[in-house]
Amino acid sequence: LMKEDMNSFRISGKEELFRKNLLSLRKLYEHNSILRAQITLFNKFKLKNENLIHADFEQLELKYKNLKTKEINLEKKIEKLNRKIIKSTQKKLHYDEKSLYLEKLLNDKMELLKESNNKIKSKKILLNDLKKKKDESIKRNNEMEINTITKNVYEEFDEKKQYVKKLKIMLEDVKKKYESLSKEDIKE
C-alpha cells in the first residue's frame, strides 16, 4: 500500500517525510478502527446491569465475533474511503496544500486517538467498578445465606430443646405414676 501511495503521488524531494506521514496515517486509521470497536464493546458492557454480568460467556463470544467481522468490514470501507480521499485530494490540491492537509489530518487523528484512549481508560475503570460491585454482591449474598441457615439451625435446635423438656416432664410424670402404682402394689 505504501508503494502504491508513493507511486500515485510521486512527489520529488520530500518522499521520506511524505512516506512517514502516510505510514503514520495508516497506522492511525487501523488503530482508530480497533479502538472504535473496543469502545462499542465497552459501551455495551456499561449498559448491562449487574444481572447480565452473570450472563453466558458463549453469547459474549458470539457478540465479539460479530464485532470482529464488523471491524473488518469497517476497515475495508475505511481503506476504500482513504483511496477516494487520496485521489480527490491529488486532483484538487497542489503539493503545499496536500502537505498542510495531511498535517492537519494527522493532528486531528492524534487528538481523536487521545480522546479514544481517555474513553478506554474510563471504560476500564467502569469495568473494574462493576467487577467490584459483583464481588461485593456475591459476598453479601453468601453472608445472607449463611445467616439464614444459622438462624434456621438455632430455631430448630430451640424447638428440639423444648420438645426434649416436654419429654422429660412426661417422663417424670410417668415415673411418679409408676412409683405411685408400685407403692400401691406393695401395699396391697
Protein backbone atom coordinates (compact mmCIF):
# COMPACT_ATOMS: atom_id res chain seq x y z
CA LEU A 1 0.00 0.00 0.00
CA MET A 2 2.84 2.36 0.79
CA LYS A 3 4.37 1.74 -2.64
CA GLU A 4 1.02 2.35 -4.31
CA ASP A 5 0.60 5.59 -2.41
CA MET A 6 4.13 6.71 -3.20
CA ASN A 7 3.72 5.83 -6.88
CA SER A 8 0.41 7.64 -7.07
CA PHE A 9 1.78 10.82 -5.51
CA ARG A 10 5.34 10.92 -6.95
CA ILE A 11 6.49 13.96 -5.03
CA SER A 12 10.11 14.75 -5.55
CA GLY A 13 12.37 15.81 -2.76
CA LYS A 14 10.12 15.08 0.22
CA GLU A 15 9.34 11.40 -0.27
CA GLU A 16 10.69 10.30 3.10
CA LEU A 17 8.62 12.85 5.02
CA PHE A 18 5.57 12.00 2.97
CA ARG A 19 6.17 8.27 3.48
CA LYS A 20 6.37 8.79 7.24
CA ASN A 21 3.16 10.82 7.17
CA LEU A 22 1.36 8.16 5.13
CA LEU A 23 2.62 5.37 7.33
CA SER A 24 1.54 7.14 10.49
CA LEU A 25 -1.85 7.92 8.88
CA ARG A 26 -2.38 4.28 8.01
CA LYS A 27 -1.40 3.16 11.49
CA LEU A 28 -3.74 5.73 12.98
CA TYR A 29 -6.67 4.62 10.82
CA GLU A 30 -6.11 0.97 11.70
CA HIS A 31 -5.65 1.71 15.39
CA ASN A 32 -8.65 4.04 15.38
CA SER A 33 -10.97 1.41 13.91
CA ILE A 34 -9.83 -1.12 16.50
CA LEU A 35 -10.35 1.42 19.25
CA ARG A 36 -13.85 2.19 17.97
CA ALA A 37 -14.73 -1.49 18.07
CA GLN A 38 -13.36 -1.73 21.61
CA ILE A 39 -15.28 1.37 22.67
CA THR A 40 -18.54 -0.04 21.33
CA LEU A 41 -17.83 -3.25 23.20
CA PHE A 42 -17.19 -1.34 26.42
CA ASN A 43 -20.36 0.72 25.89
CA LYS A 44 -22.37 -2.47 25.58
CA PHE A 45 -20.87 -3.69 28.87
CA LYS A 46 -21.68 -0.37 30.50
CA LEU A 47 -25.34 -0.59 29.51
CA LYS A 48 -25.76 -4.03 31.04
CA ASN A 49 -26.89 -4.22 34.68
CA GLU A 50 -25.45 -6.46 37.38
CA ASN A 51 -27.73 -9.35 36.46
CA LEU A 52 -26.21 -9.52 32.99
CA ILE A 53 -22.73 -9.86 34.44
CA HIS A 54 -23.64 -13.46 35.19
CA ALA A 55 -24.68 -13.96 31.53
CA ASP A 56 -23.44 -16.83 29.44
CA PHE A 57 -19.94 -16.24 28.08
CA GLU A 58 -20.77 -18.03 24.85
CA GLN A 59 -23.14 -15.20 23.92
CA LEU A 60 -20.39 -12.70 24.62
CA GLU A 61 -18.02 -14.63 22.37
CA LEU A 62 -20.59 -14.57 19.55
CA LYS A 63 -21.03 -10.83 20.00
CA TYR A 64 -17.26 -10.43 19.97
CA LYS A 65 -17.01 -12.42 16.72
CA ASN A 66 -19.74 -10.27 15.20
CA LEU A 67 -17.85 -7.17 16.26
CA LYS A 68 -14.69 -8.56 14.69
CA THR A 69 -16.47 -9.08 11.36
CA LYS A 70 -17.92 -5.59 11.58
CA GLU A 71 -14.45 -4.28 12.35
CA ILE A 72 -13.05 -5.99 9.25
CA ASN A 73 -15.86 -4.56 7.13
CA LEU A 74 -15.25 -1.11 8.58
CA GLU A 75 -11.54 -1.40 7.86
CA LYS A 76 -12.32 -2.24 4.25
CA LYS A 77 -14.66 0.72 4.00
CA ILE A 78 -12.03 2.97 5.56
CA GLU A 79 -9.45 1.75 3.06
CA LYS A 80 -11.83 2.49 0.18
CA LEU A 81 -12.57 5.92 1.61
CA ASN A 82 -8.86 6.57 2.06
CA ARG A 83 -8.23 5.73 -1.59
CA LYS A 84 -11.03 8.04 -2.69
CA ILE A 85 -9.76 10.82 -0.43
CA ILE A 86 -6.23 10.44 -1.76
CA LYS A 87 -7.42 10.51 -5.38
CA SER A 88 -9.65 13.53 -4.84
CA THR A 89 -7.01 15.46 -2.92
CA GLN A 90 -4.45 14.58 -5.56
CA LYS A 91 -6.66 16.09 -8.24
CA LYS A 92 -7.69 19.20 -6.29
CA LEU A 93 -4.71 20.22 -4.22
CA HIS A 94 -1.17 21.33 -5.02
CA TYR A 95 1.77 19.89 -3.14
CA ASP A 96 1.81 22.56 -0.40
CA GLU A 97 -1.91 22.26 0.15
CA LYS A 98 -1.54 18.48 0.25
CA SER A 99 1.15 18.57 2.91
CA LEU A 100 -0.86 21.07 5.01
CA TYR A 101 -3.96 18.97 4.64
CA LEU A 102 -2.15 15.78 5.66
CA GLU A 103 -0.55 17.51 8.60
CA LYS A 104 -3.92 18.79 9.77
CA LEU A 105 -5.44 15.36 9.28
CA LEU A 106 -2.64 13.78 11.29
CA ASN A 107 -3.17 16.26 14.13
CA ASP A 108 -6.90 15.60 14.11
CA LYS A 109 -6.31 11.87 14.25
CA MET A 110 -3.85 12.31 17.10
CA GLU A 111 -6.49 14.25 19.02
CA LEU A 112 -9.05 11.57 18.26
CA LEU A 113 -6.58 8.96 19.42
CA LYS A 114 -6.03 10.80 22.70
CA GLU A 115 -9.79 11.14 23.22
CA SER A 116 -10.39 7.48 22.47
CA ASN A 117 -7.56 6.49 24.85
CA ASN A 118 -9.18 8.58 27.58
CA LYS A 119 -12.53 6.94 26.85
CA ILE A 120 -10.94 3.49 27.03
CA LYS A 121 -9.37 4.34 30.38
CA SER A 122 -12.73 5.47 31.73
CA LYS A 123 -14.36 2.29 30.40
CA LYS A 124 -11.69 0.17 32.10
CA ILE A 125 -12.32 1.99 35.38
CA LEU A 126 -16.05 1.42 34.96
CA LEU A 127 -15.46 -2.25 34.21
CA ASN A 128 -13.31 -2.64 37.34
CA ASP A 129 -16.03 -0.92 39.39
CA LEU A 130 -18.61 -3.33 38.01
CA LYS A 131 -16.38 -6.29 38.91
CA LYS A 132 -16.00 -4.95 42.45
CA LYS A 133 -19.77 -4.49 42.76
CA LYS A 134 -20.32 -8.02 41.51
CA ASP A 135 -17.85 -9.44 44.06
CA GLU A 136 -19.47 -7.40 46.84
CA SER A 137 -22.96 -8.56 45.89
CA ILE A 138 -21.82 -12.19 45.79
CA LYS A 139 -20.17 -11.78 49.20
CA ARG A 140 -23.32 -10.16 50.66
CA ASN A 141 -25.49 -12.89 49.19
CA ASN A 142 -23.26 -15.60 50.71
CA GLU A 143 -23.34 -13.89 54.11
CA MET A 144 -27.13 -13.64 53.98
CA GLU A 145 -27.41 -17.34 53.10
CA ILE A 146 -25.08 -18.28 55.97
CA ASN A 147 -27.04 -16.09 58.41
CA THR A 148 -30.34 -17.61 57.26
CA ILE A 149 -29.03 -21.16 57.60
CA THR A 150 -27.58 -20.39 61.04
CA LYS A 151 -30.85 -18.84 62.17
CA ASN A 152 -32.81 -21.86 60.93
CA VAL A 153 -30.45 -24.24 62.74
CA TYR A 154 -30.82 -22.27 66.00
CA GLU A 155 -34.60 -22.23 65.68
CA GLU A 156 -34.68 -25.96 65.03
CA PHE A 157 -32.34 -26.53 67.98
CA ASP A 158 -34.63 -24.48 70.25
CA GLU A 159 -37.65 -26.47 69.07
CA LYS A 160 -35.86 -29.77 69.74
CA LYS A 161 -34.74 -28.50 73.13
CA GLN A 162 -38.32 -27.59 74.07
CA TYR A 163 -39.51 -30.96 72.83
CA VAL A 164 -36.87 -32.71 74.98
CA LYS A 165 -38.05 -30.68 78.01
CA LYS A 166 -41.62 -31.79 77.37
CA LEU A 167 -40.44 -35.38 77.08
CA LYS A 168 -38.53 -35.06 80.38
CA ILE A 169 -41.63 -33.69 82.07
CA MET A 170 -43.69 -36.53 80.64
CA LEU A 171 -41.04 -39.00 81.79
CA GLU A 172 -41.15 -37.51 85.29
CA ASP A 173 -44.93 -37.84 85.28
CA VAL A 174 -44.67 -41.44 84.14
CA LYS A 175 -42.04 -42.15 86.84
CA LYS A 176 -44.27 -40.65 89.50
CA LYS A 177 -47.22 -42.67 88.32
CA TYR A 178 -45.08 -45.76 88.20
CA GLU A 179 -43.79 -45.13 91.71
CA SER A 180 -47.25 -44.46 93.00
CA LEU A 181 -48.53 -47.62 91.31
CA SER A 182 -45.64 -49.64 92.60
CA LYS A 183 -46.29 -48.31 96.13
CA GLU A 184 -49.92 -49.27 95.85
CA ASP A 185 -48.92 -52.69 94.61
CA ILE A 186 -46.60 -53.06 97.56
CA LYS A 187 -49.31 -52.02 99.97
CA GLU A 188 -51.70 -54.47 98.55
